[in-house]
Amino acid sequence: MAMSRAVHKANCFHNKGHAADCSTYDTMYMVVFGIVQIFFSQLPNFSDLSWLSIVAAIMSFSYSSIAVGLSLARTISGRSGTTTLTGTEIGVDVDSAQKVWLALQALGNIAFAYSYSMILIEIQDTVKSPPAENKTMKKATLMGVTTTTAFYMLAGCLGYSAFGNAAPGNILTGFGFYEPYWLIDFANVCIVVHLVGAYQVFSQPIFAALETAAAKRWPNARFVTREHPLVAGRFHVNLLRLTWRTAFVVVSTVLAIVLPFFNDILGFLGAIGFWPLTVYYPVEMYIRQRRIQKYTSRWVALQLLSFLCFLVSLASAVASIEGVTESLKHYVPFKTKS
């Protein structure tokens, strides 16, 4: 994992100087992360992860605040990089094609950051009433989107103000900052903890979908339905859950090792998931629920919004594939060192 590696490199740079060769192989960190996820994946359902979600949210707030604070401090100190109104300069930093690809990849990353709708219903299902679940989720969604958007804008704008056109893809793991190294270490540990929780938040609905379908298909199969008590009955193991979830984590970990192109993969996942799950599905549900007639002004506006978001998703997906293709030209499997 980039964040665990960043902790190692931060301490190395602090002890040996910024010119030292502190590069390490990424595979070990990814394997450790996968082992941790195998353990957490055995928690039966979403409600058992409430504490992990709270911890992940606190971690997210912490490292985001640190990144914003360090960027602001660098900007105030006057050590900021070269900035322009349109970003990286064609012919200086990148050529015209590269700039277009990078801009579209960035859109994919932004789309991924807002693709929470795929877990929205699962979260709402765990909310207690009264008040009504949909009202609670509406308030929570408004507060969450407002807060995260504020942090995204602050991190993006202040990060660019601090580093200019040389800004790293990740302000913390890209080593735009070296000192105070202990604060950088703390921020990266927060990212690791956040990702542990985020992995589970996105994986649990997938786990639940397959296991529910299997239970309906084979209701009498002991492999599918029987719970085996462990630790004096405090914890239960289901064989389907154990094998299927472990296999899921192993496959995703191997894919992460084989294709360690974080921003490109993130952009691609965001692009292919954003339009169908975050735009098309909610828009169509809203149209059906409100019985909006075809070709009325509201119907046309909603369809136009959906179509524009589809174009953005399509362009971002193509750009992310191009980024992965470029990275593969210089990639040796299982030998990623950074």
C-alpha atoms as a PDB file:
ATOM      1  CA  MET A   1       0.000   0.000   0.000  1.00  0.00           C
ATOM      2  CA  ALA A   2       1.184   3.460  -0.888  1.00  0.00           C
ATOM      3  CA  MET A   3       0.431   4.871   2.564  1.00  0.00           C
ATOM      4  CA  SER A   4       2.344   2.181   4.489  1.00  0.00           C
ATOM      5  CA  ARG A   5       5.229   2.602   2.090  1.00  0.00           C
ATOM      6  CA  ALA A   6       5.032   6.361   2.614  1.00  0.00           C
ATOM      7  CA  VAL A   7       5.522   5.914   6.379  1.00  0.00           C
ATOM      8  CA  HIS A   8       8.676   3.890   5.724  1.00  0.00           C
ATOM      9  CA  LYS A   9       9.982   6.431   3.233  1.00  0.00           C
ATOM     10  CA  ALA A  10       9.205   9.403   5.480  1.00  0.00           C
ATOM     11  CA  ASN A  11      11.321   7.926   8.267  1.00  0.00           C
ATOM     12  CA  CYS A  12      14.044   6.988   5.783  1.00  0.00           C
ATOM     13  CA  PHE A  13      14.182  10.517   4.361  1.00  0.00           C
ATOM     14  CA  HIS A  14      14.226  11.962   7.873  1.00  0.00           C
ATOM     15  CA  ASN A  15      17.167   9.789   8.921  1.00  0.00           C
ATOM     16  CA  LYS A  16      19.184   9.733   5.670  1.00  0.00           C
ATOM     17  CA  GLY A  17      18.240  12.974   3.946  1.00  0.00           C
ATOM     18  CA  HIS A  18      15.909  13.760   1.058  1.00  0.00           C
ATOM     19  CA  ALA A  19      18.451  12.651  -1.557  1.00  0.00           C
ATOM     20  CA  ALA A  20      18.643   9.079  -0.203  1.00  0.00           C
ATOM     21  CA  ASP A  21      17.279   6.102  -2.125  1.00  0.00           C
ATOM     22  CA  CYS A  22      14.357   5.051   0.059  1.00  0.00           C
ATOM     23  CA  SER A  23      12.357   3.136  -2.548  1.00  0.00           C
ATOM     24  CA  THR A  24      10.739  -0.147  -1.502  1.00  0.00           C
ATOM     25  CA  TYR A  25       8.691  -2.911  -3.094  1.00  0.00           C
ATOM     26  CA  ASP A  26       4.937  -2.468  -2.756  1.00  0.00           C
ATOM     27  CA  THR A  27       3.954  -6.158  -2.756  1.00  0.00           C
ATOM     28  CA  MET A  28       4.598  -6.815   0.935  1.00  0.00           C
ATOM     29  CA  TYR A  29       2.382  -3.940   2.052  1.00  0.00           C
ATOM     30  CA  MET A  30      -0.452  -5.061  -0.218  1.00  0.00           C
ATOM     31  CA  VAL A  31      -0.270  -8.620   1.113  1.00  0.00           C
ATOM     32  CA  VAL A  32      -0.462  -7.379   4.716  1.00  0.00           C
ATOM     33  CA  PHE A  33      -3.463  -5.222   3.820  1.00  0.00           C
ATOM     34  CA  GLY A  34      -5.135  -8.241   2.223  1.00  0.00           C
ATOM     35  CA  ILE A  35      -4.586 -10.372   5.334  1.00  0.00           C
ATOM     36  CA  VAL A  36      -6.188  -7.682   7.498  1.00  0.00           C
ATOM     37  CA  GLN A  37      -9.167  -7.526   5.128  1.00  0.00           C
ATOM     38  CA  ILE A  38      -9.644 -11.311   5.274  1.00  0.00           C
ATOM     39  CA  PHE A  39     -10.149 -10.985   9.020  1.00  0.00           C
ATOM     40  CA  PHE A  40     -12.565  -8.033   8.864  1.00  0.00           C
ATOM     41  CA  SER A  41     -14.475  -9.597   5.978  1.00  0.00           C
ATOM     42  CA  GLN A  42     -15.675 -12.368   8.291  1.00  0.00           C
ATOM     43  CA  LEU A  43     -17.851  -9.904  10.220  1.00  0.00           C
ATOM     44  CA  PRO A  44     -21.336 -11.114   9.224  1.00  0.00           C
ATOM     45  CA  ASN A  45     -23.061  -7.909   8.154  1.00  0.00           C
ATOM     46  CA  PHE A  46     -23.046  -4.161   7.793  1.00  0.00           C
ATOM     47  CA  SER A  47     -24.332  -3.417  11.299  1.00  0.00           C
ATOM     48  CA  ASP A  48     -21.287  -5.127  12.818  1.00  0.00           C
ATOM     49  CA  LEU A  49     -19.083  -2.560  11.079  1.00  0.00           C
ATOM     50  CA  SER A  50     -20.618   0.594  12.565  1.00  0.00           C
ATOM     51  CA  TRP A  51     -17.624   1.186  14.831  1.00  0.00           C
ATOM     52  CA  LEU A  52     -15.213   0.707  11.931  1.00  0.00           C
ATOM     53  CA  SER A  53     -17.119   3.248   9.838  1.00  0.00           C
ATOM     54  CA  ILE A  54     -16.899   5.806  12.657  1.00  0.00           C
ATOM     55  CA  VAL A  55     -13.159   5.245  13.029  1.00  0.00           C
ATOM     56  CA  ALA A  56     -12.695   5.535   9.249  1.00  0.00           C
ATOM     57  CA  ALA A  57     -14.608   8.834   9.191  1.00  0.00           C
ATOM     58  CA  ILE A  58     -12.436  10.253  11.984  1.00  0.00           C
ATOM     59  CA  MET A  59      -9.304   9.142  10.153  1.00  0.00           C
ATOM     60  CA  SER A  60     -10.520  10.753   6.924  1.00  0.00           C
ATOM     61  CA  PHE A  61     -11.172  14.049   8.688  1.00  0.00           C
ATOM     62  CA  SER A  62      -7.736  13.880  10.335  1.00  0.00           C
ATOM     63  CA  TYR A  63      -5.555  13.281   7.281  1.00  0.00           C
ATOM     64  CA  SER A  64      -7.585  15.689   5.145  1.00  0.00           C
ATOM     65  CA  SER A  65      -7.128  18.427   7.749  1.00  0.00           C
ATOM     66  CA  ILE A  66      -3.398  17.733   7.895  1.00  0.00           C
ATOM     67  CA  ALA A  67      -3.058  17.911   4.096  1.00  0.00           C
ATOM     68  CA  VAL A  68      -5.021  21.167   3.949  1.00  0.00           C
ATOM     69  CA  GLY A  69      -3.052  22.647   6.856  1.00  0.00           C
ATOM     70  CA  LEU A  70       0.352  21.763   5.402  1.00  0.00           C
ATOM     71  CA  SER A  71      -0.648  23.097   1.978  1.00  0.00           C
ATOM     72  CA  LEU A  72      -1.853  26.354   3.513  1.00  0.00           C
ATOM     73  CA  ALA A  73       1.362  26.711   5.524  1.00  0.00           C
ATOM     74  CA  ARG A  74       3.494  26.152   2.411  1.00  0.00           C
ATOM     75  CA  THR A  75       1.455  28.679   0.435  1.00  0.00           C
ATOM     76  CA  ILE A  76       1.785  31.316   3.175  1.00  0.00           C
ATOM     77  CA  SER A  77       5.542  30.705   3.416  1.00  0.00           C
ATOM     78  CA  GLY A  78       5.941  31.725  -0.237  1.00  0.00           C
ATOM     79  CA  ARG A  79       7.553  28.428  -1.312  1.00  0.00           C
ATOM     80  CA  SER A  80       4.720  27.550  -3.686  1.00  0.00           C
ATOM     81  CA  GLY A  81       5.364  26.224  -7.192  1.00  0.00           C
ATOM     82  CA  THR A  82       4.540  27.732 -10.568  1.00  0.00           C
ATOM     83  CA  THR A  83       0.790  28.129 -11.003  1.00  0.00           C
ATOM     84  CA  THR A  84      -1.271  29.106 -14.040  1.00  0.00           C
ATOM     85  CA  LEU A  85      -4.966  29.726 -14.578  1.00  0.00           C
ATOM     86  CA  THR A  86      -5.304  26.654 -16.818  1.00  0.00           C
ATOM     87  CA  GLY A  87      -2.992  24.320 -14.891  1.00  0.00           C
ATOM     88  CA  THR A  88      -0.088  22.438 -16.453  1.00  0.00           C
ATOM     89  CA  GLU A  89       1.362  24.214 -19.481  1.00  0.00           C
ATOM     90  CA  ILE A  90       1.309  22.576 -22.898  1.00  0.00           C
ATOM     91  CA  GLY A  91       4.808  22.294 -24.293  1.00  0.00           C
ATOM     92  CA  VAL A  92       6.390  22.825 -20.879  1.00  0.00           C
ATOM     93  CA  ASP A  93       4.930  20.227 -18.522  1.00  0.00           C
ATOM     94  CA  VAL A  94       2.919  18.066 -20.940  1.00  0.00           C
ATOM     95  CA  ASP A  95       1.808  17.966 -24.557  1.00  0.00           C
ATOM     96  CA  SER A  96      -1.794  18.731 -25.539  1.00  0.00           C
ATOM     97  CA  ALA A  97      -2.889  15.076 -25.660  1.00  0.00           C
ATOM     98  CA  GLN A  98      -1.419  14.321 -22.235  1.00  0.00           C
ATOM     99  CA  LYS A  99      -3.204  17.300 -20.731  1.00  0.00           C
ATOM    100  CA  VAL A 100      -6.560  16.130 -22.056  1.00  0.00           C
ATOM    101  CA  TRP A 101      -5.987  12.585 -20.786  1.00  0.00           C
ATOM    102  CA  LEU A 102      -4.909  13.810 -17.346  1.00  0.00           C
ATOM    103  CA  ALA A 103      -7.926  16.109 -17.054  1.00  0.00           C
ATOM    104  CA  LEU A 104     -10.302  13.276 -17.933  1.00  0.00           C
ATOM    105  CA  GLN A 105      -8.545  10.908 -15.518  1.00  0.00           C
ATOM    106  CA  ALA A 106      -9.019  13.522 -12.801  1.00  0.00           C
ATOM    107  CA  LEU A 107     -12.745  13.589 -13.583  1.00  0.00           C
ATOM    108  CA  GLY A 108     -12.800   9.825 -13.069  1.00  0.00           C
ATOM    109  CA  ASN A 109     -11.156  10.212  -9.665  1.00  0.00           C
ATOM    110  CA  ILE A 110     -13.710  12.847  -8.686  1.00  0.00           C
ATOM    111  CA  ALA A 111     -16.524  10.578  -9.875  1.00  0.00           C
ATOM    112  CA  PHE A 112     -15.189   7.749  -7.697  1.00  0.00           C
ATOM    113  CA  ALA A 113     -15.220  10.074  -4.686  1.00  0.00           C
ATOM    114  CA  TYR A 114     -18.952  10.632  -5.175  1.00  0.00           C
ATOM    115  CA  SER A 115     -19.984   7.075  -6.038  1.00  0.00           C
ATOM    116  CA  TYR A 116     -21.458   6.380  -2.619  1.00  0.00           C
ATOM    117  CA  SER A 117     -24.959   5.666  -3.937  1.00  0.00           C
ATOM    118  CA  MET A 118     -24.112   1.965  -4.366  1.00  0.00           C
ATOM    119  CA  ILE A 119     -23.957   1.604  -0.577  1.00  0.00           C
ATOM    120  CA  LEU A 120     -26.565   4.230   0.298  1.00  0.00           C
ATOM    121  CA  ILE A 121     -29.467   1.755   0.447  1.00  0.00           C
ATOM    122  CA  GLU A 122     -27.426  -0.712   2.505  1.00  0.00           C
ATOM    123  CA  ILE A 123     -26.615   2.015   5.021  1.00  0.00           C
ATOM    124  CA  GLN A 124     -30.225   3.215   5.115  1.00  0.00           C
ATOM    125  CA  ASP A 125     -31.318  -0.345   5.852  1.00  0.00           C
ATOM    126  CA  THR A 126     -29.361  -0.233   9.132  1.00  0.00           C
ATOM    127  CA  VAL A 127     -30.816   3.122  10.269  1.00  0.00           C
ATOM    128  CA  LYS A 128     -33.339   2.883  13.094  1.00  0.00           C
ATOM    129  CA  SER A 129     -36.651   4.741  13.069  1.00  0.00           C
ATOM    130  CA  PRO A 130     -38.289   7.032  14.080  1.00  0.00           C
ATOM    131  CA  PRO A 131     -37.607   9.439  12.465  1.00  0.00           C
ATOM    132  CA  ALA A 132     -38.159   7.872   9.052  1.00  0.00           C
ATOM    133  CA  GLU A 133     -35.059   6.313   7.515  1.00  0.00           C
ATOM    134  CA  ASN A 134     -35.296   8.333   4.312  1.00  0.00           C
ATOM    135  CA  LYS A 135     -35.430  11.622   6.244  1.00  0.00           C
ATOM    136  CA  THR A 136     -32.420  10.646   8.328  1.00  0.00           C
ATOM    137  CA  MET A 137     -30.471   9.619   5.235  1.00  0.00           C
ATOM    138  CA  LYS A 138     -31.415  12.829   3.424  1.00  0.00           C
ATOM    139  CA  LYS A 139     -29.944  14.910   6.236  1.00  0.00           C
ATOM    140  CA  ALA A 140     -26.886  12.667   6.516  1.00  0.00           C
ATOM    141  CA  THR A 141     -26.301  12.742   2.760  1.00  0.00           C
ATOM    142  CA  LEU A 142     -26.588  16.535   2.595  1.00  0.00           C
ATOM    143  CA  MET A 143     -24.191  16.958   5.495  1.00  0.00           C
ATOM    144  CA  GLY A 144     -21.765  14.352   4.157  1.00  0.00           C
ATOM    145  CA  VAL A 145     -21.667  15.662   0.596  1.00  0.00           C
ATOM    146  CA  THR A 146     -21.305  19.270   1.784  1.00  0.00           C
ATOM    147  CA  THR A 147     -18.466  18.411   4.161  1.00  0.00           C
ATOM    148  CA  THR A 148     -16.546  16.226   1.725  1.00  0.00           C
ATOM    149  CA  THR A 149     -16.957  18.721  -1.116  1.00  0.00           C
ATOM    150  CA  ALA A 150     -15.551  21.469   1.114  1.00  0.00           C
ATOM    151  CA  PHE A 151     -12.527  19.307   1.929  1.00  0.00           C
ATOM    152  CA  TYR A 152     -12.050  18.267  -1.706  1.00  0.00           C
ATOM    153  CA  MET A 153     -12.067  21.891  -2.827  1.00  0.00           C
ATOM    154  CA  LEU A 154      -9.719  22.985  -0.059  1.00  0.00           C
ATOM    155  CA  ALA A 155      -7.296  20.114  -0.676  1.00  0.00           C
ATOM    156  CA  GLY A 156      -7.351  20.624  -4.446  1.00  0.00           C
ATOM    157  CA  CYS A 157      -7.044  24.405  -4.458  1.00  0.00           C
ATOM    158  CA  LEU A 158      -4.550  24.726  -1.610  1.00  0.00           C
ATOM    159  CA  GLY A 159      -2.577  21.731  -2.885  1.00  0.00           C
ATOM    160  CA  TYR A 160      -2.213  23.373  -6.279  1.00  0.00           C
ATOM    161  CA  SER A 161      -1.419  26.694  -4.630  1.00  0.00           C
ATOM    162  CA  ALA A 162       1.335  25.018  -2.604  1.00  0.00           C
ATOM    163  CA  PHE A 163       2.975  22.973  -5.375  1.00  0.00           C
ATOM    164  CA  GLY A 164       1.747  24.469  -8.621  1.00  0.00           C
ATOM    165  CA  ASN A 165       2.144  22.421 -11.770  1.00  0.00           C
ATOM    166  CA  ALA A 166       4.532  20.057  -9.954  1.00  0.00           C
ATOM    167  CA  ALA A 167       1.844  18.938  -7.485  1.00  0.00           C
ATOM    168  CA  PRO A 168       2.055  15.171  -6.805  1.00  0.00           C
ATOM    169  CA  GLY A 169      -0.931  12.924  -7.450  1.00  0.00           C
ATOM    170  CA  ASN A 170      -1.257  12.429  -3.702  1.00  0.00           C
ATOM    171  CA  ILE A 171      -0.044  15.318  -1.550  1.00  0.00           C
ATOM    172  CA  LEU A 172       0.838  13.076   1.396  1.00  0.00           C
ATOM    173  CA  THR A 173       2.162   9.897  -0.245  1.00  0.00           C
ATOM    174  CA  GLY A 174       3.707  11.779  -3.185  1.00  0.00           C
ATOM    175  CA  PHE A 175       6.161  13.474  -0.837  1.00  0.00           C
ATOM    176  CA  GLY A 176       5.345  17.035  -1.542  1.00  0.00           C
ATOM    177  CA  PHE A 177       5.968  17.383   2.191  1.00  0.00           C
ATOM    178  CA  TYR A 178       8.854  15.858   4.153  1.00  0.00           C
ATOM    179  CA  GLU A 179       8.599  17.599   7.499  1.00  0.00           C
ATOM    180  CA  PRO A 180       7.398  17.399  10.181  1.00  0.00           C
ATOM    181  CA  TYR A 181       7.916  13.724   9.433  1.00  0.00           C
ATOM    182  CA  TRP A 182       5.970  12.552  12.499  1.00  0.00           C
ATOM    183  CA  LEU A 183       2.898  14.441  11.297  1.00  0.00           C
ATOM    184  CA  ILE A 184       3.271  12.956   7.801  1.00  0.00           C
ATOM    185  CA  ASP A 185       3.543   9.505   9.401  1.00  0.00           C
ATOM    186  CA  PHE A 186       0.396  10.088  11.444  1.00  0.00           C
ATOM    187  CA  ALA A 187      -1.528  11.283   8.383  1.00  0.00           C
ATOM    188  CA  ASN A 188      -0.505   8.230   6.360  1.00  0.00           C
ATOM    189  CA  VAL A 189      -1.464   5.880   9.193  1.00  0.00           C
ATOM    190  CA  CYS A 190      -4.862   7.604   9.216  1.00  0.00           C
ATOM    191  CA  ILE A 191      -5.181   6.887   5.488  1.00  0.00           C
ATOM    192  CA  VAL A 192      -4.379   3.203   6.052  1.00  0.00           C
ATOM    193  CA  VAL A 193      -7.028   2.888   8.770  1.00  0.00           C
ATOM    194  CA  HIS A 194      -9.533   4.767   6.608  1.00  0.00           C
ATOM    195  CA  LEU A 195      -8.940   2.433   3.660  1.00  0.00           C
ATOM    196  CA  VAL A 196      -9.403  -0.624   5.870  1.00  0.00           C
ATOM    197  CA  GLY A 197     -12.863   0.670   6.730  1.00  0.00           C
ATOM    198  CA  ALA A 198     -13.617   1.884   3.204  1.00  0.00           C
ATOM    199  CA  TYR A 199     -12.806  -1.532   1.721  1.00  0.00           C
ATOM    200  CA  GLN A 200     -15.355  -3.139   4.014  1.00  0.00           C
ATOM    201  CA  VAL A 201     -18.017  -0.489   3.414  1.00  0.00           C
ATOM    202  CA  PHE A 202     -17.843  -1.110  -0.332  1.00  0.00           C
ATOM    203  CA  SER A 203     -17.379  -4.893  -0.096  1.00  0.00           C
ATOM    204  CA  GLN A 204     -20.101  -5.787   2.409  1.00  0.00           C
ATOM    205  CA  PRO A 205     -23.004  -5.103  -0.018  1.00  0.00           C
ATOM    206  CA  ILE A 206     -21.325  -7.412  -2.552  1.00  0.00           C
ATOM    207  CA  PHE A 207     -20.889 -10.090   0.098  1.00  0.00           C
ATOM    208  CA  ALA A 208     -24.499  -9.748   1.223  1.00  0.00           C
ATOM    209  CA  ALA A 209     -25.886  -9.893  -2.322  1.00  0.00           C
ATOM    210  CA  LEU A 210     -24.217 -13.203  -3.169  1.00  0.00           C
ATOM    211  CA  GLU A 211     -24.890 -14.805   0.212  1.00  0.00           C
ATOM    212  CA  THR A 212     -28.569 -13.815   0.161  1.00  0.00           C
ATOM    213  CA  ALA A 213     -28.950 -15.228  -3.342  1.00  0.00           C
ATOM    214  CA  ALA A 214     -27.194 -18.447  -2.326  1.00  0.00           C
ATOM    215  CA  ALA A 215     -29.428 -18.856   0.749  1.00  0.00           C
ATOM    216  CA  LYS A 216     -32.543 -18.508  -1.420  1.00  0.00           C
ATOM    217  CA  ARG A 217     -31.188 -20.921  -4.020  1.00  0.00           C
ATOM    218  CA  TRP A 218     -30.014 -23.593  -1.553  1.00  0.00           C
ATOM    219  CA  PRO A 219     -31.952 -23.017   1.708  1.00  0.00           C
ATOM    220  CA  ASN A 220     -31.186 -26.489   3.076  1.00  0.00           C
ATOM    221  CA  ALA A 221     -27.476 -26.589   2.272  1.00  0.00           C
ATOM    222  CA  ARG A 222     -25.444 -26.681   5.489  1.00  0.00           C
ATOM    223  CA  PHE A 223     -22.461 -25.179   3.672  1.00  0.00           C
ATOM    224  CA  VAL A 224     -24.566 -22.104   2.873  1.00  0.00           C
ATOM    225  CA  THR A 225     -26.734 -21.591   5.954  1.00  0.00           C
ATOM    226  CA  ARG A 226     -25.160 -23.229   9.004  1.00  0.00           C
ATOM    227  CA  GLU A 227     -23.314 -21.043  11.517  1.00  0.00           C
ATOM    228  CA  HIS A 228     -20.478 -22.685  13.472  1.00  0.00           C
ATOM    229  CA  PRO A 229     -19.877 -21.099  16.921  1.00  0.00           C
ATOM    230  CA  LEU A 230     -16.347 -20.160  17.921  1.00  0.00           C
ATOM    231  CA  VAL A 231     -14.785 -18.466  20.955  1.00  0.00           C
ATOM    232  CA  ALA A 232     -17.426 -19.693  23.417  1.00  0.00           C
ATOM    233  CA  GLY A 233     -20.231 -18.757  21.052  1.00  0.00           C
ATOM    234  CA  ARG A 234     -19.248 -15.085  20.754  1.00  0.00           C
ATOM    235  CA  PHE A 235     -18.265 -15.452  17.127  1.00  0.00           C
ATOM    236  CA  HIS A 236     -19.781 -17.585  14.373  1.00  0.00           C
ATOM    237  CA  VAL A 237     -18.224 -18.888  11.177  1.00  0.00           C
ATOM    238  CA  ASN A 238     -20.191 -19.786   8.085  1.00  0.00           C
ATOM    239  CA  LEU A 239     -18.358 -21.921   5.514  1.00  0.00           C
ATOM    240  CA  LEU A 240     -19.759 -20.042   2.521  1.00  0.00           C
ATOM    241  CA  ARG A 241     -18.852 -16.725   4.112  1.00  0.00           C
ATOM    242  CA  LEU A 242     -15.385 -17.971   5.001  1.00  0.00           C
ATOM    243  CA  THR A 243     -14.497 -19.338   1.561  1.00  0.00           C
ATOM    244  CA  TRP A 244     -16.273 -16.786  -0.661  1.00  0.00           C
ATOM    245  CA  ARG A 245     -15.168 -13.677   1.197  1.00  0.00           C
ATOM    246  CA  THR A 246     -11.613 -14.926   1.575  1.00  0.00           C
ATOM    247  CA  ALA A 247     -11.467 -15.695  -2.151  1.00  0.00           C
ATOM    248  CA  PHE A 248     -12.834 -12.226  -2.948  1.00  0.00           C
ATOM    249  CA  VAL A 249     -10.149 -10.530  -0.851  1.00  0.00           C
ATOM    250  CA  VAL A 250      -7.384 -12.719  -2.286  1.00  0.00           C
ATOM    251  CA  VAL A 251      -8.428 -11.996  -5.879  1.00  0.00           C
ATOM    252  CA  SER A 252      -8.714  -8.246  -5.265  1.00  0.00           C
ATOM    253  CA  THR A 253      -5.323  -8.216  -3.526  1.00  0.00           C
ATOM    254  CA  VAL A 254      -3.650 -10.077  -6.390  1.00  0.00           C
ATOM    255  CA  LEU A 255      -5.217  -7.665  -8.888  1.00  0.00           C
ATOM    256  CA  ALA A 256      -3.902  -4.733  -6.848  1.00  0.00           C
ATOM    257  CA  ILE A 257      -0.412  -6.248  -6.937  1.00  0.00           C
ATOM    258  CA  VAL A 258      -0.585  -7.054 -10.645  1.00  0.00           C
ATOM    259  CA  LEU A 259      -2.019  -3.633 -11.581  1.00  0.00           C
ATOM    260  CA  PRO A 260      -0.594  -1.166  -9.026  1.00  0.00           C
ATOM    261  CA  PHE A 261      -1.683   1.965 -10.894  1.00  0.00           C
ATOM    262  CA  PHE A 262      -3.689   3.592  -8.144  1.00  0.00           C
ATOM    263  CA  ASN A 263      -4.951   6.796  -9.767  1.00  0.00           C
ATOM    264  CA  ASP A 264      -5.677   5.195 -13.142  1.00  0.00           C
ATOM    265  CA  ILE A 265      -7.545   2.223 -11.654  1.00  0.00           C
ATOM    266  CA  LEU A 266      -9.413   4.512  -9.269  1.00  0.00           C
ATOM    267  CA  GLY A 267     -10.401   6.758 -12.159  1.00  0.00           C
ATOM    268  CA  PHE A 268     -11.589   3.787 -14.210  1.00  0.00           C
ATOM    269  CA  LEU A 269     -13.689   2.351 -11.381  1.00  0.00           C
ATOM    270  CA  GLY A 270     -15.139   5.770 -10.703  1.00  0.00           C
ATOM    271  CA  ALA A 271     -15.955   6.317 -14.358  1.00  0.00           C
ATOM    272  CA  ILE A 272     -17.740   3.003 -14.949  1.00  0.00           C
ATOM    273  CA  GLY A 273     -19.664   3.194 -11.675  1.00  0.00           C
ATOM    274  CA  PHE A 274     -20.574   6.873 -11.556  1.00  0.00           C
ATOM    275  CA  TRP A 275     -23.160   7.187 -14.327  1.00  0.00           C
ATOM    276  CA  PRO A 276     -25.198   3.973 -13.891  1.00  0.00           C
ATOM    277  CA  LEU A 277     -25.251   3.959 -10.076  1.00  0.00           C
ATOM    278  CA  THR A 278     -24.976   7.603  -9.060  1.00  0.00           C
ATOM    279  CA  VAL A 279     -26.868   9.287 -11.911  1.00  0.00           C
ATOM    280  CA  TYR A 280     -28.971   6.994 -14.126  1.00  0.00           C
ATOM    281  CA  TYR A 281     -30.535   4.807 -11.432  1.00  0.00           C
ATOM    282  CA  PRO A 282     -31.500   7.654  -9.028  1.00  0.00           C
ATOM    283  CA  VAL A 283     -32.789   9.815 -11.898  1.00  0.00           C
ATOM    284  CA  GLU A 284     -34.960   7.025 -13.300  1.00  0.00           C
ATOM    285  CA  MET A 285     -36.262   6.182  -9.826  1.00  0.00           C
ATOM    286  CA  TYR A 286     -37.152   9.832  -9.270  1.00  0.00           C
ATOM    287  CA  ILE A 287     -38.966  10.028 -12.613  1.00  0.00           C
ATOM    288  CA  ARG A 288     -40.994   6.899 -11.821  1.00  0.00           C
ATOM    289  CA  GLN A 289     -41.771   7.943  -8.266  1.00  0.00           C
ATOM    290  CA  ARG A 290     -42.900  11.458  -9.205  1.00  0.00           C
ATOM    291  CA  ARG A 291     -44.627  10.213 -12.366  1.00  0.00           C
ATOM    292  CA  ILE A 292     -42.933  12.832 -14.502  1.00  0.00           C
ATOM    293  CA  GLN A 293     -44.376  12.792 -18.001  1.00  0.00           C
ATOM    294  CA  LYS A 294     -42.127  12.314 -21.019  1.00  0.00           C
ATOM    295  CA  TYR A 295     -40.948  15.378 -22.920  1.00  0.00           C
ATOM    296  CA  THR A 296     -41.957  17.817 -20.198  1.00  0.00           C
ATOM    297  CA  SER A 297     -39.342  20.423 -19.259  1.00  0.00           C
ATOM    298  CA  ARG A 298     -38.384  18.585 -16.057  1.00  0.00           C
ATOM    299  CA  TRP A 299     -38.112  15.232 -17.856  1.00  0.00           C
ATOM    300  CA  VAL A 300     -35.920  16.772 -20.575  1.00  0.00           C
ATOM    301  CA  ALA A 301     -33.697  18.473 -17.976  1.00  0.00           C
ATOM    302  CA  LEU A 302     -33.200  15.226 -16.052  1.00  0.00           C
ATOM    303  CA  GLN A 303     -32.459  13.232 -19.195  1.00  0.00           C
ATOM    304  CA  LEU A 304     -30.011  15.901 -20.358  1.00  0.00           C
ATOM    305  CA  LEU A 305     -28.244  15.766 -16.994  1.00  0.00           C
ATOM    306  CA  SER A 306     -28.054  11.979 -17.225  1.00  0.00           C
ATOM    307  CA  PHE A 307     -26.710  12.104 -20.782  1.00  0.00           C
ATOM    308  CA  LEU A 308     -24.020  14.681 -19.947  1.00  0.00           C
ATOM    309  CA  CYS A 309     -22.880  12.591 -16.980  1.00  0.00           C
ATOM    310  CA  PHE A 310     -22.784   9.541 -19.253  1.00  0.00           C
ATOM    311  CA  LEU A 311     -20.437  11.400 -21.618  1.00  0.00           C
ATOM    312  CA  VAL A 312     -18.216  12.411 -18.696  1.00  0.00           C
ATOM    313  CA  SER A 313     -18.091   8.809 -17.441  1.00  0.00           C
ATOM    314  CA  LEU A 314     -17.314   7.474 -20.910  1.00  0.00           C
ATOM    315  CA  ALA A 315     -14.516   9.982 -21.517  1.00  0.00           C
ATOM    316  CA  SER A 316     -13.022   9.363 -18.062  1.00  0.00           C
ATOM    317  CA  ALA A 317     -13.091   5.591 -18.576  1.00  0.00           C
ATOM    318  CA  VAL A 318     -11.265   5.907 -21.907  1.00  0.00           C
ATOM    319  CA  ALA A 319      -8.684   8.241 -20.350  1.00  0.00           C
ATOM    320  CA  SER A 320      -8.089   5.877 -17.434  1.00  0.00           C
ATOM    321  CA  ILE A 321      -7.595   2.937 -19.806  1.00  0.00           C
ATOM    322  CA  GLU A 322      -5.076   5.061 -21.711  1.00  0.00           C
ATOM    323  CA  GLY A 323      -3.283   5.784 -18.430  1.00  0.00           C
ATOM    324  CA  VAL A 324      -3.109   2.092 -17.525  1.00  0.00           C
ATOM    325  CA  THR A 325      -1.848   1.292 -21.037  1.00  0.00           C
ATOM    326  CA  GLU A 326       0.936   3.850 -20.705  1.00  0.00           C
ATOM    327  CA  SER A 327       1.898   2.540 -17.265  1.00  0.00           C
ATOM    328  CA  LEU A 328       2.016  -1.053 -18.530  1.00  0.00           C
ATOM    329  CA  LYS A 329       4.727  -0.094 -21.025  1.00  0.00           C
ATOM    330  CA  HIS A 330       7.167   0.394 -18.144  1.00  0.00           C
ATOM    331  CA  TYR A 331       5.816  -2.194 -15.734  1.00  0.00           C
ATOM    332  CA  VAL A 332       7.329  -5.495 -14.586  1.00  0.00           C
ATOM    333  CA  PRO A 333       4.800  -7.729 -12.734  1.00  0.00           C
ATOM    334  CA  PHE A 334       5.370  -8.118  -8.984  1.00  0.00           C
ATOM    335  CA  LYS A 335       8.414  -5.840  -9.181  1.00  0.00           C
ATOM    336  CA  THR A 336       6.801  -2.474  -8.480  1.00  0.00           C
ATOM    337  CA  LYS A 337       9.240  -0.353  -6.510  1.00  0.00           C
ATOM    338  CA  SER A 338       8.568   3.218  -5.507  1.00  0.00           C
END
